[in-house]
Amino acid sequence: MDYSGKEKEAMALIAEADKKSHTTGSFFGTFFGSSSKAEEACDLYVRAANMFKMAKNWNAAGDAFCKSAKLQLQMQSKHNAAVNFIDAGNAYKKADPQEAIKCLCRAIDIYTDMGRFNIAAKHHMAIAEIYESDLLDFDKAVIHYEQAADYYKAEESTSCANKCFLKVATYAAQLEQYQKAIEIYEQIGTYSMDHTLLKYGAKDHFFRAALCHFCVDMLNAQLAVQKYEEMFPAFSDARECKLVKKLLAAHEQQDVDAFTDAVKEFDSITRLDQWQTSMLLRIKKTIQDEESDLR
């Protein structure tokens, strides 16, 4: 479909908006309707941005939303500026992830200045997801997930905070920062076991913590499982707990086949996710390495 007409119309709106915005900066504009001219310019920039979106010209749409946002800031209209920066970020996300992040950060600065920490946290999550999915920069993704979690926690949005902390734990374990991951999984497991609607999920958090312990040391894992069973008796009956115990026994006997069979049996009923599988492969490798050393 030919969108050249929409782009031409959008460019005409940008030109008109630029004229009005320049008028607002003049000396006489300060006295004669500069506010209304600025508002008109902002409206024109937004209309142009939406036309660029229709034409799938994402960078031009982002640029137009940014022009509106900056003009809104000059008018001290912080909320509208933040909304425009978010719109710009969403447009840039489809073409220029780094520029999207800059816009989202501008919006976050405005929201934190206004004390809107829940909204700021939401957009830190959006930035984390861009680093995670588009830029594959997991260290920076973790920074933004942690910031989002801290803001949610401060606002007592515990479930949202925990969602972010779980992302942090996932990456911490992958980067072999096991102690950091363990602390998060144990905290969320303890929180979950005391809440009726979340209780069922507690076993998964303790299972993940136990696997992290196992990656550090077998004795650590044994002591951790005992602690989780005392804290949360229902964990003893969970298939996850029974699996860890079988794996500990296989590790103690240096029996790779028994380890593999226990994992296969569990996976045939409850599918292991990619993270769990990667942790189990790490543990299996330690058994294989120790077995080779004994030969």
Protein backbone atom coordinates (compact mmCIF):
# COMPACT_ATOMS: atom_id res chain seq x y z
CA MET A 1 0.00 0.00 0.00
CA ASP A 2 1.30 3.46 -0.92
CA TYR A 3 1.59 5.64 2.19
CA SER A 4 3.44 8.52 0.47
CA GLY A 5 0.33 10.69 0.73
CA LYS A 6 0.19 10.22 4.49
CA GLU A 7 3.88 11.06 4.80
CA LYS A 8 3.47 14.25 2.75
CA GLU A 9 0.52 15.28 4.92
CA ALA A 10 2.52 14.53 8.05
CA MET A 11 5.45 16.61 6.81
CA ALA A 12 3.11 19.53 6.09
CA LEU A 13 1.78 19.28 9.66
CA ILE A 14 5.35 19.25 11.00
CA ALA A 15 6.17 22.40 9.02
CA GLU A 16 3.07 24.14 10.36
CA ALA A 17 3.86 23.02 13.91
CA ASP A 18 7.45 24.25 13.60
CA LYS A 19 6.17 27.72 12.62
CA LYS A 20 3.83 27.88 15.59
CA SER A 21 6.49 26.62 18.01
CA HIS A 22 8.97 29.25 16.79
CA THR A 23 6.31 31.92 17.32
CA THR A 24 5.96 30.88 20.95
CA GLY A 25 9.65 31.57 21.50
CA SER A 26 9.50 35.17 20.28
CA PHE A 27 9.37 38.13 22.64
CA PHE A 28 5.89 39.19 21.58
CA GLY A 29 4.70 35.60 21.58
CA THR A 30 5.23 35.61 25.32
CA PHE A 31 2.48 38.21 25.61
CA PHE A 32 0.20 37.31 22.74
CA GLY A 33 -1.13 33.83 22.93
CA SER A 34 2.11 31.84 23.05
CA SER A 35 0.48 29.21 25.24
CA SER A 36 -2.32 28.50 22.79
CA LYS A 37 0.15 28.51 19.86
CA ALA A 38 2.32 25.98 21.70
CA GLU A 39 -0.65 23.77 22.43
CA GLU A 40 -1.66 23.93 18.77
CA ALA A 41 1.89 23.02 17.76
CA CYS A 42 1.89 20.04 20.12
CA ASP A 43 -1.41 18.85 18.68
CA LEU A 44 0.00 19.15 15.14
CA TYR A 45 3.17 17.22 16.07
CA VAL A 46 1.06 14.41 17.56
CA ARG A 47 -1.21 14.31 14.50
CA ALA A 48 1.86 14.15 12.27
CA ALA A 49 3.36 11.40 14.42
CA ASN A 50 0.24 9.30 14.08
CA MET A 51 0.29 9.73 10.29
CA PHE A 52 3.93 8.64 10.22
CA LYS A 53 2.89 5.60 12.26
CA MET A 54 0.24 4.76 9.68
CA ALA A 55 2.96 4.97 7.03
CA LYS A 56 5.20 2.77 9.22
CA ASN A 57 7.86 5.49 9.27
CA TRP A 58 8.74 4.79 12.90
CA ASN A 59 11.74 7.11 13.21
CA ALA A 60 9.78 10.07 11.85
CA ALA A 61 6.92 9.24 14.22
CA GLY A 62 9.33 9.13 17.15
CA ASP A 63 10.88 12.45 16.12
CA ALA A 64 7.44 14.11 15.95
CA PHE A 65 6.38 12.79 19.35
CA CYS A 66 9.70 14.03 20.80
CA LYS A 67 9.10 17.53 19.41
CA SER A 68 5.73 17.59 21.13
CA ALA A 69 7.24 16.30 24.38
CA LYS A 70 9.95 18.96 24.46
CA LEU A 71 7.41 21.70 23.79
CA GLN A 72 5.18 20.32 26.55
CA LEU A 73 8.14 20.58 28.93
CA GLN A 74 8.60 24.24 27.98
CA MET A 75 4.95 24.78 28.93
CA GLN A 76 5.56 22.98 32.26
CA SER A 77 3.07 20.29 31.23
CA LYS A 78 5.04 17.39 32.67
CA HIS A 79 2.39 14.70 32.42
CA ASN A 80 1.72 15.39 28.72
CA ALA A 81 5.47 15.50 28.05
CA ALA A 82 5.93 12.10 29.69
CA VAL A 83 3.06 10.63 27.64
CA ASN A 84 4.65 11.96 24.44
CA PHE A 85 8.07 10.56 25.38
CA ILE A 86 6.44 7.16 25.96
CA ASP A 87 4.71 7.38 22.57
CA ALA A 88 8.05 8.31 21.01
CA GLY A 89 9.73 5.37 22.73
CA ASN A 90 7.08 2.97 21.46
CA ALA A 91 7.57 4.25 17.91
CA TYR A 92 11.37 4.14 18.05
CA LYS A 93 11.22 0.63 19.53
CA LYS A 94 10.32 -0.69 16.07
CA ALA A 95 13.32 0.91 14.36
CA ASP A 96 15.90 2.24 16.84
CA PRO A 97 15.92 0.49 20.26
CA GLN A 98 18.65 2.76 21.67
CA GLU A 99 16.61 5.87 20.86
CA ALA A 100 13.55 4.20 22.38
CA ILE A 101 15.47 3.70 25.61
CA LYS A 102 16.50 7.38 25.70
CA CYS A 103 12.86 8.47 25.37
CA LEU A 104 11.63 6.03 28.00
CA CYS A 105 14.36 7.27 30.36
CA ARG A 106 13.20 10.88 29.82
CA ALA A 107 9.66 9.80 30.73
CA ILE A 108 10.92 7.92 33.80
CA ASP A 109 12.75 11.04 35.02
CA ILE A 110 9.51 13.01 34.78
CA TYR A 111 7.42 10.35 36.52
CA THR A 112 9.90 9.92 39.39
CA ASP A 113 10.02 13.71 39.80
CA MET A 114 6.21 13.61 40.08
CA GLY A 115 6.37 10.74 42.59
CA ARG A 116 4.69 8.31 40.15
CA PHE A 117 6.95 5.36 40.98
CA ASN A 118 4.59 2.59 39.84
CA ILE A 119 4.48 4.09 36.35
CA ALA A 120 8.26 4.65 36.38
CA ALA A 121 8.72 0.99 37.35
CA LYS A 122 6.53 -0.14 34.45
CA HIS A 123 8.73 1.72 32.00
CA HIS A 124 11.94 0.40 33.60
CA MET A 125 10.50 -3.02 32.81
CA ALA A 126 9.90 -1.93 29.22
CA ILE A 127 13.53 -0.83 28.94
CA ALA A 128 14.70 -4.13 30.47
CA GLU A 129 12.68 -6.02 27.86
CA ILE A 130 14.30 -4.01 25.03
CA TYR A 131 17.78 -4.83 26.37
CA GLU A 132 16.71 -8.44 26.82
CA SER A 133 14.99 -9.07 23.48
CA ASP A 134 16.37 -6.55 21.00
CA LEU A 135 19.85 -5.64 22.18
CA LEU A 136 20.75 -8.89 24.02
CA ASP A 137 22.47 -6.86 26.74
CA PHE A 138 21.48 -8.91 29.78
CA ASP A 139 23.60 -6.96 32.29
CA LYS A 140 21.69 -3.76 31.49
CA ALA A 141 18.40 -5.67 31.45
CA VAL A 142 19.12 -6.80 35.01
CA ILE A 143 19.87 -3.21 36.12
CA HIS A 144 16.45 -2.05 34.91
CA TYR A 145 14.59 -5.08 36.30
CA GLU A 146 16.20 -4.37 39.68
CA GLN A 147 15.26 -0.69 39.53
CA ALA A 148 11.69 -1.60 38.58
CA ALA A 149 11.55 -4.10 41.45
CA ASP A 150 12.81 -1.51 43.94
CA TYR A 151 10.20 1.04 42.84
CA TYR A 152 7.39 -1.53 42.96
CA LYS A 153 8.52 -2.69 46.39
CA ALA A 154 8.59 0.89 47.69
CA GLU A 155 5.00 1.30 46.48
CA GLU A 156 4.03 -2.04 48.11
CA SER A 157 3.24 -3.60 44.73
CA THR A 158 4.80 -6.85 45.94
CA SER A 159 3.57 -9.15 43.17
CA CYS A 160 4.97 -6.80 40.48
CA ALA A 161 8.23 -6.46 42.41
CA ASN A 162 8.56 -10.23 42.69
CA LYS A 163 7.99 -10.64 38.96
CA CYS A 164 10.98 -8.36 38.35
CA PHE A 165 13.11 -9.99 41.04
CA LEU A 166 12.51 -13.40 39.43
CA LYS A 167 13.93 -12.05 36.18
CA VAL A 168 16.99 -10.85 38.12
CA ALA A 169 17.39 -14.26 39.75
CA THR A 170 17.15 -16.03 36.39
CA TYR A 171 20.01 -14.01 34.94
CA ALA A 172 22.04 -14.08 38.16
CA ALA A 173 22.03 -17.89 38.10
CA GLN A 174 22.93 -17.97 34.41
CA LEU A 175 25.89 -15.69 35.19
CA GLU A 176 26.84 -18.04 38.06
CA GLN A 177 25.93 -15.42 40.68
CA TYR A 178 24.31 -18.22 42.62
CA GLN A 179 24.13 -16.57 46.04
CA LYS A 180 22.22 -13.61 44.62
CA ALA A 181 19.78 -15.95 42.86
CA ILE A 182 19.34 -18.10 45.98
CA GLU A 183 18.47 -15.09 48.16
CA ILE A 184 15.79 -13.96 45.71
CA TYR A 185 14.25 -17.42 45.24
CA GLU A 186 14.19 -18.03 49.00
CA GLN A 187 12.63 -14.63 49.73
CA ILE A 188 9.90 -15.12 47.13
CA GLY A 189 9.36 -18.73 48.18
CA THR A 190 8.92 -17.66 51.80
CA TYR A 191 6.53 -14.88 50.76
CA SER A 192 4.53 -17.25 48.55
CA MET A 193 4.10 -20.01 51.13
CA ASP A 194 2.37 -17.56 53.49
CA HIS A 195 -0.21 -16.48 50.89
CA THR A 196 -3.04 -18.85 49.97
CA LEU A 197 -3.21 -17.92 46.28
CA LEU A 198 0.58 -18.16 45.85
CA LYS A 199 1.29 -21.16 48.06
CA TYR A 200 1.35 -23.68 45.21
CA GLY A 201 4.14 -21.78 43.47
CA ALA A 202 6.39 -21.78 46.55
CA LYS A 203 7.69 -25.26 45.70
CA ASP A 204 9.01 -24.03 42.36
CA HIS A 205 10.92 -21.16 44.00
CA PHE A 206 12.48 -23.51 46.56
CA PHE A 207 13.28 -26.00 43.77
CA ARG A 208 15.13 -23.30 41.83
CA ALA A 209 16.98 -22.20 44.97
CA ALA A 210 17.98 -25.84 45.62
CA LEU A 211 19.34 -26.20 42.07
CA CYS A 212 21.43 -23.04 42.58
CA HIS A 213 22.76 -24.48 45.87
CA PHE A 214 23.54 -27.72 44.03
CA CYS A 215 25.60 -25.80 41.46
CA VAL A 216 27.72 -24.47 44.33
CA ASP A 217 28.07 -27.58 46.48
CA MET A 218 26.19 -30.85 47.14
CA LEU A 219 26.23 -30.34 50.92
CA ASN A 220 24.74 -26.86 50.43
CA ALA A 221 21.89 -28.43 48.49
CA GLN A 222 21.26 -31.11 51.13
CA LEU A 223 21.07 -28.54 53.92
CA ALA A 224 18.88 -26.25 51.82
CA VAL A 225 16.35 -29.02 51.07
CA GLN A 226 16.14 -29.86 54.79
CA LYS A 227 15.56 -26.19 55.59
CA TYR A 228 12.82 -25.85 52.95
CA GLU A 229 11.05 -28.97 54.22
CA GLU A 230 11.05 -27.57 57.78
CA MET A 231 9.85 -24.16 56.63
CA PHE A 232 7.28 -25.51 54.19
CA PRO A 233 6.22 -29.10 54.99
CA ALA A 234 4.25 -29.35 51.72
CA PHE A 235 7.59 -29.19 49.90
CA SER A 236 8.41 -32.73 51.15
CA ASP A 237 5.57 -34.18 49.06
CA ALA A 238 6.37 -32.13 45.96
CA ARG A 239 7.83 -33.92 42.96
CA GLU A 240 10.47 -31.18 42.78
CA CYS A 241 11.73 -32.04 46.27
CA LYS A 242 11.80 -35.77 45.49
CA LEU A 243 13.74 -35.05 42.30
CA VAL A 244 16.40 -33.06 44.14
CA LYS A 245 16.79 -35.89 46.67
CA LYS A 246 17.23 -38.44 43.84
CA LEU A 247 19.80 -36.17 42.21
CA LEU A 248 21.69 -35.80 45.49
CA ALA A 249 21.81 -39.58 45.86
CA ALA A 250 23.00 -40.00 42.26
CA HIS A 251 25.65 -37.33 42.82
CA GLU A 252 26.84 -39.01 46.01
CA GLN A 253 27.19 -42.33 44.18
CA GLN A 254 28.76 -40.64 41.13
CA ASP A 255 26.04 -42.31 39.05
CA VAL A 256 25.41 -40.24 35.91
CA ASP A 257 22.86 -42.73 34.57
CA ALA A 258 20.76 -42.54 37.74
CA PHE A 259 20.92 -38.74 37.53
CA THR A 260 19.78 -38.79 33.88
CA ASP A 261 16.98 -41.29 34.57
CA ALA A 262 15.63 -39.20 37.47
CA VAL A 263 15.53 -36.07 35.28
CA LYS A 264 13.85 -37.93 32.40
CA GLU A 265 11.22 -39.40 34.71
CA PHE A 266 10.39 -35.98 36.13
CA ASP A 267 10.35 -34.33 32.70
CA SER A 268 7.96 -36.95 31.31
CA ILE A 269 5.29 -35.75 33.74
CA THR A 270 6.25 -32.14 34.47
CA ARG A 271 8.12 -30.42 31.65
CA LEU A 272 11.33 -28.75 32.72
CA ASP A 273 11.83 -25.24 31.38
CA GLN A 274 14.96 -24.02 29.64
CA TRP A 275 16.46 -22.47 32.79
CA GLN A 276 15.90 -25.61 34.89
CA THR A 277 17.37 -27.77 32.13
CA SER A 278 20.49 -25.60 31.89
CA MET A 279 21.04 -25.78 35.66
CA LEU A 280 20.60 -29.57 35.67
CA LEU A 281 23.10 -29.90 32.81
CA ARG A 282 25.63 -27.90 34.84
CA ILE A 283 25.14 -30.21 37.83
CA LYS A 284 25.38 -33.30 35.60
CA LYS A 285 28.67 -32.02 34.19
CA THR A 286 30.14 -31.77 37.70
CA ILE A 287 29.31 -35.45 38.26
CA GLN A 288 30.87 -36.39 34.92
CA ASP A 289 34.00 -34.33 35.70
CA GLU A 290 34.35 -35.88 39.15
CA GLU A 291 33.80 -39.34 37.66
CA SER A 292 36.59 -38.69 35.13
CA ASP A 293 38.93 -37.53 37.91
CA LEU A 294 38.42 -40.81 39.74
CA ARG A 295 39.50 -42.87 36.71
